[in-house]
C-alpha atoms as a PDB file:
ATOM      1  CA  MET A   1     109.183  97.570 126.440  1.00  0.00           C
ATOM      2  CA  ASN A   2     108.140  94.071 125.582  1.00  0.00           C
ATOM      3  CA  ILE A   3     109.871  91.623 123.206  1.00  0.00           C
ATOM      4  CA  VAL A   4     107.606  92.179 120.211  1.00  0.00           C
ATOM      5  CA  GLN A   5     108.182  95.965 120.304  1.00  0.00           C
ATOM      6  CA  LYS A   6     112.031  95.485 120.393  1.00  0.00           C
ATOM      7  CA  ILE A   7     111.872  93.199 117.350  1.00  0.00           C
ATOM      8  CA  GLU A   8     109.525  95.640 115.433  1.00  0.00           C
ATOM      9  CA  ASN A   9     111.833  98.525 116.137  1.00  0.00           C
ATOM     10  CA  GLN A  10     114.589  96.821 114.222  1.00  0.00           C
ATOM     11  CA  PHE A  11     112.550  96.744 111.045  1.00  0.00           C
ATOM     12  CA  LYS A  12     110.932 100.208 111.310  1.00  0.00           C
ATOM     13  CA  LYS A  13     112.036 102.929 108.859  1.00  0.00           C
ATOM     14  CA  ASN A  14     113.179 106.284 110.243  1.00  0.00           C
ATOM     15  CA  ASN A  15     113.191 108.277 106.966  1.00  0.00           C
ATOM     16  CA  ILE A  16     109.433 108.316 106.436  1.00  0.00           C
ATOM     17  CA  PRO A  17     108.006 111.813 105.973  1.00  0.00           C
ATOM     18  CA  LYS A  18     104.944 112.904 107.826  1.00  0.00           C
ATOM     19  CA  ILE A  19     101.953 111.988 105.677  1.00  0.00           C
ATOM     20  CA  ASN A  20      98.312 112.754 106.281  1.00  0.00           C
ATOM     21  CA  ILE A  21      94.963 111.959 104.863  1.00  0.00           C
ATOM     22  CA  GLY A  22      94.315 113.906 101.632  1.00  0.00           C
ATOM     23  CA  ASP A  23      97.971 114.283 100.686  1.00  0.00           C
ATOM     24  CA  SER A  24      98.967 113.579  97.109  1.00  0.00           C
ATOM     25  CA  ILE A  25     102.020 111.426  97.170  1.00  0.00           C
ATOM     26  CA  LYS A  26     104.560 109.643  94.938  1.00  0.00           C
ATOM     27  CA  ILE A  27     105.773 106.268  96.028  1.00  0.00           C
ATOM     28  CA  LYS A  28     108.911 104.681  94.547  1.00  0.00           C
ATOM     29  CA  LEU A  29     108.807 100.972  94.963  1.00  0.00           C
ATOM     30  CA  ILE A  30     110.738  97.969  93.704  1.00  0.00           C
ATOM     31  CA  ILE A  31     108.843  95.670  91.346  1.00  0.00           C
ATOM     32  CA  GLN A  32     110.210  92.215  90.484  1.00  0.00           C
ATOM     33  CA  GLU A  33     109.534  90.900  87.004  1.00  0.00           C
ATOM     34  CA  GLY A  34     110.991  87.474  86.515  1.00  0.00           C
ATOM     35  CA  ASN A  35     114.618  87.702  87.721  1.00  0.00           C
ATOM     36  CA  LYS A  36     114.829  91.448  87.098  1.00  0.00           C
ATOM     37  CA  GLU A  37     114.044  94.278  89.562  1.00  0.00           C
ATOM     38  CA  ARG A  38     113.065  97.794  88.541  1.00  0.00           C
ATOM     39  CA  VAL A  39     111.755 100.955  90.335  1.00  0.00           C
ATOM     40  CA  GLN A  40     108.116 101.939  89.646  1.00  0.00           C
ATOM     41  CA  ILE A  41     106.634 105.265  90.647  1.00  0.00           C
ATOM     42  CA  SER A  42     103.043 105.230  91.755  1.00  0.00           C
ATOM     43  CA  GLU A  43     101.046 108.414  92.474  1.00  0.00           C
ATOM     44  CA  GLY A  44      97.722 109.062  94.134  1.00  0.00           C
ATOM     45  CA  VAL A  45      95.757 110.594  97.038  1.00  0.00           C
ATOM     46  CA  ILE A  46      95.803 109.024 100.469  1.00  0.00           C
ATOM     47  CA  ILE A  47      92.157 108.168 101.402  1.00  0.00           C
ATOM     48  CA  ALA A  48      92.835 106.115 104.497  1.00  0.00           C
ATOM     49  CA  LYS A  49      95.588 105.443 106.991  1.00  0.00           C
ATOM     50  CA  HIS A  50      95.766 102.622 109.504  1.00  0.00           C
ATOM     51  CA  ASN A  51      98.346 103.272 112.304  1.00  0.00           C
ATOM     52  CA  SER A  52      99.691 100.139 113.905  1.00  0.00           C
ATOM     53  CA  ASN A  53     103.482 100.493 114.545  1.00  0.00           C
ATOM     54  CA  LEU A  54     105.237  98.234 112.057  1.00  0.00           C
ATOM     55  CA  ASN A  55     101.985  97.361 110.230  1.00  0.00           C
ATOM     56  CA  THR A  56     101.082 100.946 109.419  1.00  0.00           C
ATOM     57  CA  THR A  57      99.311 101.052 106.019  1.00  0.00           C
ATOM     58  CA  ILE A  58      97.978 103.707 103.686  1.00  0.00           C
ATOM     59  CA  THR A  59      95.397 103.400 101.004  1.00  0.00           C
ATOM     60  CA  VAL A  60      96.167 105.288  97.884  1.00  0.00           C
ATOM     61  CA  ARG A  61      93.597 106.074  95.205  1.00  0.00           C
ATOM     62  CA  LYS A  62      94.266 107.176  91.619  1.00  0.00           C
ATOM     63  CA  ILE A  63      92.369 107.258  88.375  1.00  0.00           C
ATOM     64  CA  VAL A  64      93.744 105.042  85.586  1.00  0.00           C
ATOM     65  CA  GLN A  65      91.980 105.277  82.175  1.00  0.00           C
ATOM     66  CA  ASN A  66      88.782 106.524  83.813  1.00  0.00           C
ATOM     67  CA  ILE A  67      88.716 103.732  86.363  1.00  0.00           C
ATOM     68  CA  GLY A  68      89.443 104.302  90.061  1.00  0.00           C
ATOM     69  CA  VAL A  69      92.210 102.146  91.427  1.00  0.00           C
ATOM     70  CA  GLU A  70      92.985 101.773  95.117  1.00  0.00           C
ATOM     71  CA  ARG A  71      96.035 100.122  96.554  1.00  0.00           C
ATOM     72  CA  ILE A  72      97.153  99.519 100.082  1.00  0.00           C
ATOM     73  CA  TYR A  73     100.811 100.032 100.895  1.00  0.00           C
ATOM     74  CA  LEU A  74     102.693  98.845 103.945  1.00  0.00           C
ATOM     75  CA  ILE A  75     104.716 101.898 104.969  1.00  0.00           C
ATOM     76  CA  HIS A  76     107.695 100.138 106.559  1.00  0.00           C
ATOM     77  CA  SER A  77     107.980  97.555 103.722  1.00  0.00           C
ATOM     78  CA  PRO A  78     111.601  97.035 102.429  1.00  0.00           C
ATOM     79  CA  ARG A  79     110.086  97.260  98.851  1.00  0.00           C
ATOM     80  CA  ILE A  80     109.276 100.939  99.316  1.00  0.00           C
ATOM     81  CA  ILE A  81     112.323 103.136  98.655  1.00  0.00           C
ATOM     82  CA  GLU A  82     110.863 106.588  99.023  1.00  0.00           C
ATOM     83  CA  ILE A  83     107.656 108.442  99.764  1.00  0.00           C
ATOM     84  CA  GLU A  84     107.381 112.018  98.505  1.00  0.00           C
ATOM     85  CA  THR A  85     104.478 114.351  99.300  1.00  0.00           C
ATOM     86  CA  THR A  86     103.619 116.501  96.299  1.00  0.00           C
ATOM     87  CA  ARG A  87     100.533 118.283  97.582  1.00  0.00           C
ATOM     88  CA  GLN A  88      98.751 118.660 100.914  1.00  0.00           C
ATOM     89  CA  SER A  89      94.987 119.135 101.112  1.00  0.00           C
ATOM     90  CA  LYS A  90      92.650 120.354 103.787  1.00  0.00           C
ATOM     91  CA  VAL A  91      90.308 117.654 104.890  1.00  0.00           C
ATOM     92  CA  ARG A  92      87.909 117.293 107.779  1.00  0.00           C
ATOM     93  CA  ARG A  93      87.639 113.449 107.864  1.00  0.00           C
ATOM     94  CA  SER A  94      89.934 110.565 108.686  1.00  0.00           C
ATOM     95  CA  LYS A  95      88.668 108.473 105.767  1.00  0.00           C
ATOM     96  CA  LEU A  96      87.906 109.850 102.373  1.00  0.00           C
ATOM     97  CA  TYR A  97      85.851 106.993 101.029  1.00  0.00           C
ATOM     98  CA  TYR A  98      83.290 109.483  99.650  1.00  0.00           C
ATOM     99  CA  LEU A  99      85.750 110.112  96.769  1.00  0.00           C
ATOM    100  CA  ARG A 100      84.840 106.717  95.388  1.00  0.00           C
ATOM    101  CA  LYS A 101      81.388 107.934  94.319  1.00  0.00           C
ATOM    102  CA  ARG A 102      82.695 111.087  92.698  1.00  0.00           C
ATOM    103  CA  SER A 103      84.382 111.725  89.334  1.00  0.00           C
ATOM    104  CA  GLY A 104      86.041 114.583  87.468  1.00  0.00           C
ATOM    105  CA  LYS A 105      86.376 117.903  89.191  1.00  0.00           C
ATOM    106  CA  ALA A 106      84.252 116.698  92.164  1.00  0.00           C
ATOM    107  CA  THR A 107      87.249 114.674  93.400  1.00  0.00           C
ATOM    108  CA  LYS A 108      89.412 117.845  93.803  1.00  0.00           C
ATOM    109  CA  LEU A 109      90.382 118.633  97.421  1.00  0.00           C
ATOM    110  CA  LYS A 110      91.062 122.094  98.730  1.00  0.00           C
ATOM    111  CA  ARG A 111      94.766 122.882  99.043  1.00  0.00           C
ATOM    112  CA  LYS A 112      96.277 123.440 102.411  1.00  0.00           C
ATOM    113  CA  LEU A 113      98.184 126.738 102.680  1.00  0.00           C
END
């Protein structure tokens, strides 16, 4: 094991649930407003995942006031408190970018049993 991996292992989180593409998730993260901190819950569907040890990221898409919003979260960030999977969907692709062009019921994914 080289030096970089040893240092990265110190900062990795161990309590991360197994998340896949197409899962609907809730992320609790700490938001700083001025000198106050509060917990904000963000929901959405994972449309992409980039695996890279400590730099693992997920792209979460949600609809806010009929506008699609995507945000990239760093999984091992100390700002993220908890990740909770609310629904798992059956998908056949690794990136769900096609959901960007769809709206309404066309964005529904089939549920995994």
